[in-house]
Amino acid sequence: MGTGRGRAVIVEAVPRHVEAVNRLVLYALTAAQACQLRAIVGRILDAVDVEGGMTPKPGP
C-alpha cells in the first residue's frame, strides 16, 4: 500500500483535491447536469469490474 511517508502525502493532499473537484466540477454544474453526471458515472461503474482491476465487462 506504499510507504508511511507516501500515505502521509496522500492524506495531506486529500482536502485540497476534494475542494478543487467540488469547485471545478461539482459546483460548476446545474442540478440537471449533476443528475446527468451521476447517471453517466453509474453507467461507467457498471461497465467495469472495480475489484478486478478495472477490467471492462462485455458491452451490450
PDB file of N, CA and C in Angstrom:
ATOM      1  N   MET A   1       0.819  -1.198   0.000  1.00  0.00           N
ATOM      2  CA  MET A   1       0.000   0.000   0.000  1.00  0.00           C
ATOM      3  C   MET A   1       0.857   1.253   0.000  1.00  0.00           C
ATOM      4  N   GLY A   2       2.157   1.093  -0.051  1.00  0.00           N
ATOM      5  CA  GLY A   2       3.019   2.260  -0.078  1.00  0.00           C
ATOM      6  C   GLY A   2       3.709   2.482   1.245  1.00  0.00           C
ATOM      7  N   THR A   3       4.513   3.508   1.284  1.00  0.00           N
ATOM      8  CA  THR A   3       5.259   3.826   2.494  1.00  0.00           C
ATOM      9  C   THR A   3       4.437   4.721   3.409  1.00  0.00           C
ATOM     10  N   GLY A   4       4.871   4.809   4.631  1.00  0.00           N
ATOM     11  CA  GLY A   4       4.206   5.700   5.573  1.00  0.00           C
ATOM     12  C   GLY A   4       4.266   7.138   5.100  1.00  0.00           C
ATOM     13  N   ARG A   5       5.408   7.542   4.533  1.00  0.00           N
ATOM     14  CA  ARG A   5       5.550   8.915   4.028  1.00  0.00           C
ATOM     15  C   ARG A   5       4.629   9.138   2.837  1.00  0.00           C
ATOM     16  N   GLY A   6       4.544   8.141   1.958  1.00  0.00           N
ATOM     17  CA  GLY A   6       3.653   8.261   0.800  1.00  0.00           C
ATOM     18  C   GLY A   6       2.207   8.421   1.231  1.00  0.00           C
ATOM     19  N   ARG A   7       1.823   7.640   2.230  1.00  0.00           N
ATOM     20  CA  ARG A   7       0.454   7.757   2.749  1.00  0.00           C
ATOM     21  C   ARG A   7       0.215   9.131   3.354  1.00  0.00           C
ATOM     22  N   ALA A   8       1.204   9.648   4.070  1.00  0.00           N
ATOM     23  CA  ALA A   8       1.069  10.971   4.686  1.00  0.00           C
ATOM     24  C   ALA A   8       0.888  12.050   3.618  1.00  0.00           C
ATOM     25  N   VAL A   9       1.606  11.925   2.511  1.00  0.00           N
ATOM     26  CA  VAL A   9       1.479  12.900   1.418  1.00  0.00           C
ATOM     27  C   VAL A   9       0.069  12.855   0.841  1.00  0.00           C
ATOM     28  N   ILE A  10      -0.451  11.642   0.650  1.00  0.00           N
ATOM     29  CA  ILE A  10      -1.812  11.494   0.107  1.00  0.00           C
ATOM     30  C   ILE A  10      -2.830  12.075   1.074  1.00  0.00           C
ATOM     31  N   VAL A  11      -2.717  11.733   2.340  1.00  0.00           N
ATOM     32  CA  VAL A  11      -3.660  12.240   3.349  1.00  0.00           C
ATOM     33  C   VAL A  11      -3.625  13.769   3.384  1.00  0.00           C
ATOM     34  N   GLU A  12      -2.443  14.338   3.257  1.00  0.00           N
ATOM     35  CA  GLU A  12      -2.316  15.796   3.268  1.00  0.00           C
ATOM     36  C   GLU A  12      -2.953  16.425   2.034  1.00  0.00           C
ATOM     37  N   ALA A  13      -2.880  15.744   0.894  1.00  0.00           N
ATOM     38  CA  ALA A  13      -3.398  16.300  -0.361  1.00  0.00           C
ATOM     39  C   ALA A  13      -4.912  16.175  -0.493  1.00  0.00           C
ATOM     40  N   VAL A  14      -5.514  15.241   0.203  1.00  0.00           N
ATOM     41  CA  VAL A  14      -6.940  14.949   0.018  1.00  0.00           C
ATOM     42  C   VAL A  14      -7.836  16.178   0.196  1.00  0.00           C
ATOM     43  N   PRO A  15      -7.716  16.947   1.258  1.00  0.00           N
ATOM     44  CA  PRO A  15      -8.636  18.091   1.405  1.00  0.00           C
ATOM     45  C   PRO A  15      -8.564  19.075   0.236  1.00  0.00           C
ATOM     46  N   ARG A  16      -7.354  19.370  -0.250  1.00  0.00           N
ATOM     47  CA  ARG A  16      -7.216  20.293  -1.388  1.00  0.00           C
ATOM     48  C   ARG A  16      -7.788  19.675  -2.654  1.00  0.00           C
ATOM     49  N   HIS A  17      -7.589  18.383  -2.830  1.00  0.00           N
ATOM     50  CA  HIS A  17      -8.118  17.701  -4.013  1.00  0.00           C
ATOM     51  C   HIS A  17      -9.649  17.733  -3.999  1.00  0.00           C
ATOM     52  N   VAL A  18     -10.242  17.412  -2.877  1.00  0.00           N
ATOM     53  CA  VAL A  18     -11.701  17.419  -2.756  1.00  0.00           C
ATOM     54  C   VAL A  18     -12.249  18.820  -3.012  1.00  0.00           C
ATOM     55  N   GLU A  19     -11.607  19.821  -2.444  1.00  0.00           N
ATOM     56  CA  GLU A  19     -12.061  21.201  -2.658  1.00  0.00           C
ATOM     57  C   GLU A  19     -11.981  21.569  -4.133  1.00  0.00           C
ATOM     58  N   ALA A  20     -10.898  21.176  -4.797  1.00  0.00           N
ATOM     59  CA  ALA A  20     -10.732  21.502  -6.220  1.00  0.00           C
ATOM     60  C   ALA A  20     -11.779  20.798  -7.072  1.00  0.00           C
ATOM     61  N   VAL A  21     -12.040  19.532  -6.804  1.00  0.00           N
ATOM     62  CA  VAL A  21     -13.064  18.803  -7.563  1.00  0.00           C
ATOM     63  C   VAL A  21     -14.427  19.446  -7.345  1.00  0.00           C
ATOM     64  N   ASN A  22     -14.738  19.747  -6.111  1.00  0.00           N
ATOM     65  CA  ASN A  22     -16.027  20.399  -5.828  1.00  0.00           C
ATOM     66  C   ASN A  22     -16.144  21.721  -6.572  1.00  0.00           C
ATOM     67  N   ARG A  23     -15.111  22.562  -6.476  1.00  0.00           N
ATOM     68  CA  ARG A  23     -15.149  23.894  -7.080  1.00  0.00           C
ATOM     69  C   ARG A  23     -15.156  23.834  -8.597  1.00  0.00           C
ATOM     70  N   LEU A  24     -14.314  23.001  -9.186  1.00  0.00           N
ATOM     71  CA  LEU A  24     -14.142  22.994 -10.636  1.00  0.00           C
ATOM     72  C   LEU A  24     -15.143  22.118 -11.377  1.00  0.00           C
ATOM     73  N   VAL A  25     -15.694  21.129 -10.690  1.00  0.00           N
ATOM     74  CA  VAL A  25     -16.603  20.198 -11.365  1.00  0.00           C
ATOM     75  C   VAL A  25     -18.010  20.291 -10.773  1.00  0.00           C
ATOM     76  N   LEU A  26     -18.150  19.897  -9.540  1.00  0.00           N
ATOM     77  CA  LEU A  26     -19.494  19.742  -8.975  1.00  0.00           C
ATOM     78  C   LEU A  26     -20.235  21.065  -8.816  1.00  0.00           C
ATOM     79  N   TYR A  27     -19.583  22.080  -8.272  1.00  0.00           N
ATOM     80  CA  TYR A  27     -20.269  23.362  -8.074  1.00  0.00           C
ATOM     81  C   TYR A  27     -20.517  24.095  -9.389  1.00  0.00           C
ATOM     82  N   ALA A  28     -19.820  23.688 -10.448  1.00  0.00           N
ATOM     83  CA  ALA A  28     -19.990  24.329 -11.753  1.00  0.00           C
ATOM     84  C   ALA A  28     -21.193  23.776 -12.522  1.00  0.00           C
ATOM     85  N   LEU A  29     -21.778  22.700 -12.025  1.00  0.00           N
ATOM     86  CA  LEU A  29     -22.893  22.056 -12.723  1.00  0.00           C
ATOM     87  C   LEU A  29     -24.239  22.548 -12.211  1.00  0.00           C
ATOM     88  N   THR A  30     -25.201  22.560 -13.109  1.00  0.00           N
ATOM     89  CA  THR A  30     -26.581  22.793 -12.686  1.00  0.00           C
ATOM     90  C   THR A  30     -27.082  21.498 -12.037  1.00  0.00           C
ATOM     91  N   ALA A  31     -28.229  21.563 -11.393  1.00  0.00           N
ATOM     92  CA  ALA A  31     -28.802  20.355 -10.782  1.00  0.00           C
ATOM     93  C   ALA A  31     -29.056  19.286 -11.842  1.00  0.00           C
ATOM     94  N   ALA A  32     -29.543  19.694 -13.000  1.00  0.00           N
ATOM     95  CA  ALA A  32     -29.813  18.740 -14.071  1.00  0.00           C
ATOM     96  C   ALA A  32     -28.516  18.100 -14.574  1.00  0.00           C
ATOM     97  N   GLN A  33     -27.471  18.897 -14.701  1.00  0.00           N
ATOM     98  CA  GLN A  33     -26.184  18.359 -15.141  1.00  0.00           C
ATOM     99  C   GLN A  33     -25.600  17.403 -14.103  1.00  0.00           C
ATOM    100  N   ALA A  34     -25.770  17.726 -12.826  1.00  0.00           N
ATOM    101  CA  ALA A  34     -25.292  16.836 -11.770  1.00  0.00           C
ATOM    102  C   ALA A  34     -26.015  15.494 -11.838  1.00  0.00           C
ATOM    103  N   CYS A  35     -27.301  15.507 -12.122  1.00  0.00           N
ATOM    104  CA  CYS A  35     -28.054  14.259 -12.286  1.00  0.00           C
ATOM    105  C   CYS A  35     -27.547  13.471 -13.484  1.00  0.00           C
ATOM    106  N   GLN A  36     -27.254  14.172 -14.570  1.00  0.00           N
ATOM    107  CA  GLN A  36     -26.704  13.504 -15.751  1.00  0.00           C
ATOM    108  C   GLN A  36     -25.339  12.895 -15.440  1.00  0.00           C
ATOM    109  N   LEU A  37     -24.495  13.631 -14.733  1.00  0.00           N
ATOM    110  CA  LEU A  37     -23.177  13.121 -14.365  1.00  0.00           C
ATOM    111  C   LEU A  37     -23.309  11.879 -13.494  1.00  0.00           C
ATOM    112  N   ARG A  38     -24.235  11.906 -12.550  1.00  0.00           N
ATOM    113  CA  ARG A  38     -24.468  10.754 -11.680  1.00  0.00           C
ATOM    114  C   ARG A  38     -24.850   9.530 -12.507  1.00  0.00           C
ATOM    115  N   ALA A  39     -25.728   9.727 -13.489  1.00  0.00           N
ATOM    116  CA  ALA A  39     -26.144   8.618 -14.354  1.00  0.00           C
ATOM    117  C   ALA A  39     -24.983   8.113 -15.200  1.00  0.00           C
ATOM    118  N   ILE A  40     -24.172   9.035 -15.724  1.00  0.00           N
ATOM    119  CA  ILE A  40     -23.024   8.648 -16.545  1.00  0.00           C
ATOM    120  C   ILE A  40     -22.010   7.858 -15.716  1.00  0.00           C
ATOM    121  N   VAL A  41     -21.692   8.358 -14.551  1.00  0.00           N
ATOM    122  CA  VAL A  41     -20.732   7.665 -13.690  1.00  0.00           C
ATOM    123  C   VAL A  41     -21.272   6.286 -13.307  1.00  0.00           C
ATOM    124  N   GLY A  42     -22.562   6.196 -13.043  1.00  0.00           N
ATOM    125  CA  GLY A  42     -23.163   4.905 -12.730  1.00  0.00           C
ATOM    126  C   GLY A  42     -23.001   3.914 -13.866  1.00  0.00           C
ATOM    127  N   ARG A  43     -23.198   4.371 -15.092  1.00  0.00           N
ATOM    128  CA  ARG A  43     -23.021   3.504 -16.260  1.00  0.00           C
ATOM    129  C   ARG A  43     -21.571   3.057 -16.390  1.00  0.00           C
ATOM    130  N   ILE A  44     -20.649   3.982 -16.160  1.00  0.00           N
ATOM    131  CA  ILE A  44     -19.230   3.632 -16.241  1.00  0.00           C
ATOM    132  C   ILE A  44     -18.891   2.594 -15.186  1.00  0.00           C
ATOM    133  N   LEU A  45     -19.342   2.813 -13.961  1.00  0.00           N
ATOM    134  CA  LEU A  45     -19.051   1.855 -12.896  1.00  0.00           C
ATOM    135  C   LEU A  45     -19.688   0.498 -13.160  1.00  0.00           C
ATOM    136  N   ASP A  46     -20.863   0.494 -13.764  1.00  0.00           N
ATOM    137  CA  ASP A  46     -21.499  -0.768 -14.134  1.00  0.00           C
ATOM    138  C   ASP A  46     -20.709  -1.504 -15.211  1.00  0.00           C
ATOM    139  N   ALA A  47     -19.970  -0.755 -16.037  1.00  0.00           N
ATOM    140  CA  ALA A  47     -19.269  -1.341 -17.175  1.00  0.00           C
ATOM    141  C   ALA A  47     -17.882  -1.870 -16.826  1.00  0.00           C
ATOM    142  N   VAL A  48     -17.418  -1.605 -15.638  1.00  0.00           N
ATOM    143  CA  VAL A  48     -16.086  -2.078 -15.253  1.00  0.00           C
ATOM    144  C   VAL A  48     -16.165  -2.898 -13.983  1.00  0.00           C
ATOM    145  N   ASP A  49     -15.187  -3.760 -13.843  1.00  0.00           N
ATOM    146  CA  ASP A  49     -15.086  -4.580 -12.642  1.00  0.00           C
ATOM    147  C   ASP A  49     -14.069  -3.907 -11.737  1.00  0.00           C
ATOM    148  N   VAL A  50     -14.538  -3.106 -10.807  1.00  0.00           N
ATOM    149  CA  VAL A  50     -13.656  -2.320  -9.957  1.00  0.00           C
ATOM    150  C   VAL A  50     -12.743  -3.223  -9.134  1.00  0.00           C
ATOM    151  N   GLU A  51     -13.267  -4.277  -8.582  1.00  0.00           N
ATOM    152  CA  GLU A  51     -12.454  -5.159  -7.756  1.00  0.00           C
ATOM    153  C   GLU A  51     -11.458  -5.963  -8.577  1.00  0.00           C
ATOM    154  N   GLY A  52     -11.720  -6.141  -9.843  1.00  0.00           N
ATOM    155  CA  GLY A  52     -10.828  -6.914 -10.696  1.00  0.00           C
ATOM    156  C   GLY A  52      -9.851  -6.045 -11.462  1.00  0.00           C
ATOM    157  N   GLY A  53      -9.593  -4.869 -11.010  1.00  0.00           N
ATOM    158  CA  GLY A  53      -8.592  -4.023 -11.657  1.00  0.00           C
ATOM    159  C   GLY A  53      -9.119  -3.260 -12.853  1.00  0.00           C
ATOM    160  N   MET A  54     -10.370  -2.873 -12.824  1.00  0.00           N
ATOM    161  CA  MET A  54     -10.957  -2.059 -13.890  1.00  0.00           C
ATOM    162  C   MET A  54     -11.009  -2.798 -15.223  1.00  0.00           C
ATOM    163  N   THR A  55     -11.263  -4.083 -15.178  1.00  0.00           N
ATOM    164  CA  THR A  55     -11.386  -4.876 -16.390  1.00  0.00           C
ATOM    165  C   THR A  55     -12.747  -4.594 -17.011  1.00  0.00           C
ATOM    166  N   PRO A  56     -12.793  -4.137 -18.260  1.00  0.00           N
ATOM    167  CA  PRO A  56     -14.096  -3.850 -18.887  1.00  0.00           C
ATOM    168  C   PRO A  56     -14.948  -5.110 -19.001  1.00  0.00           C
ATOM    169  N   LYS A  57     -16.214  -4.958 -18.731  1.00  0.00           N
ATOM    170  CA  LYS A  57     -17.168  -6.041 -18.940  1.00  0.00           C
ATOM    171  C   LYS A  57     -17.627  -5.990 -20.391  1.00  0.00           C
ATOM    172  N   PRO A  58     -18.080  -7.111 -20.937  1.00  0.00           N
ATOM    173  CA  PRO A  58     -18.582  -7.083 -22.318  1.00  0.00           C
ATOM    174  C   PRO A  58     -19.735  -6.101 -22.469  1.00  0.00           C
ATOM    175  N   GLY A  59     -19.765  -5.401 -23.586  1.00  0.00           N
ATOM    176  CA  GLY A  59     -20.827  -4.429 -23.857  1.00  0.00           C
ATOM    177  C   GLY A  59     -22.111  -5.108 -24.272  1.00  0.00           C
ATOM    178  N   PRO A  60     -23.168  -4.310 -24.428  1.00  0.00           N
ATOM    179  CA  PRO A  60     -24.475  -4.884 -24.813  1.00  0.00           C
ATOM    180  C   PRO A  60     -24.466  -5.434 -26.213  1.00  0.00           C
TER     181      PRO A  60
END
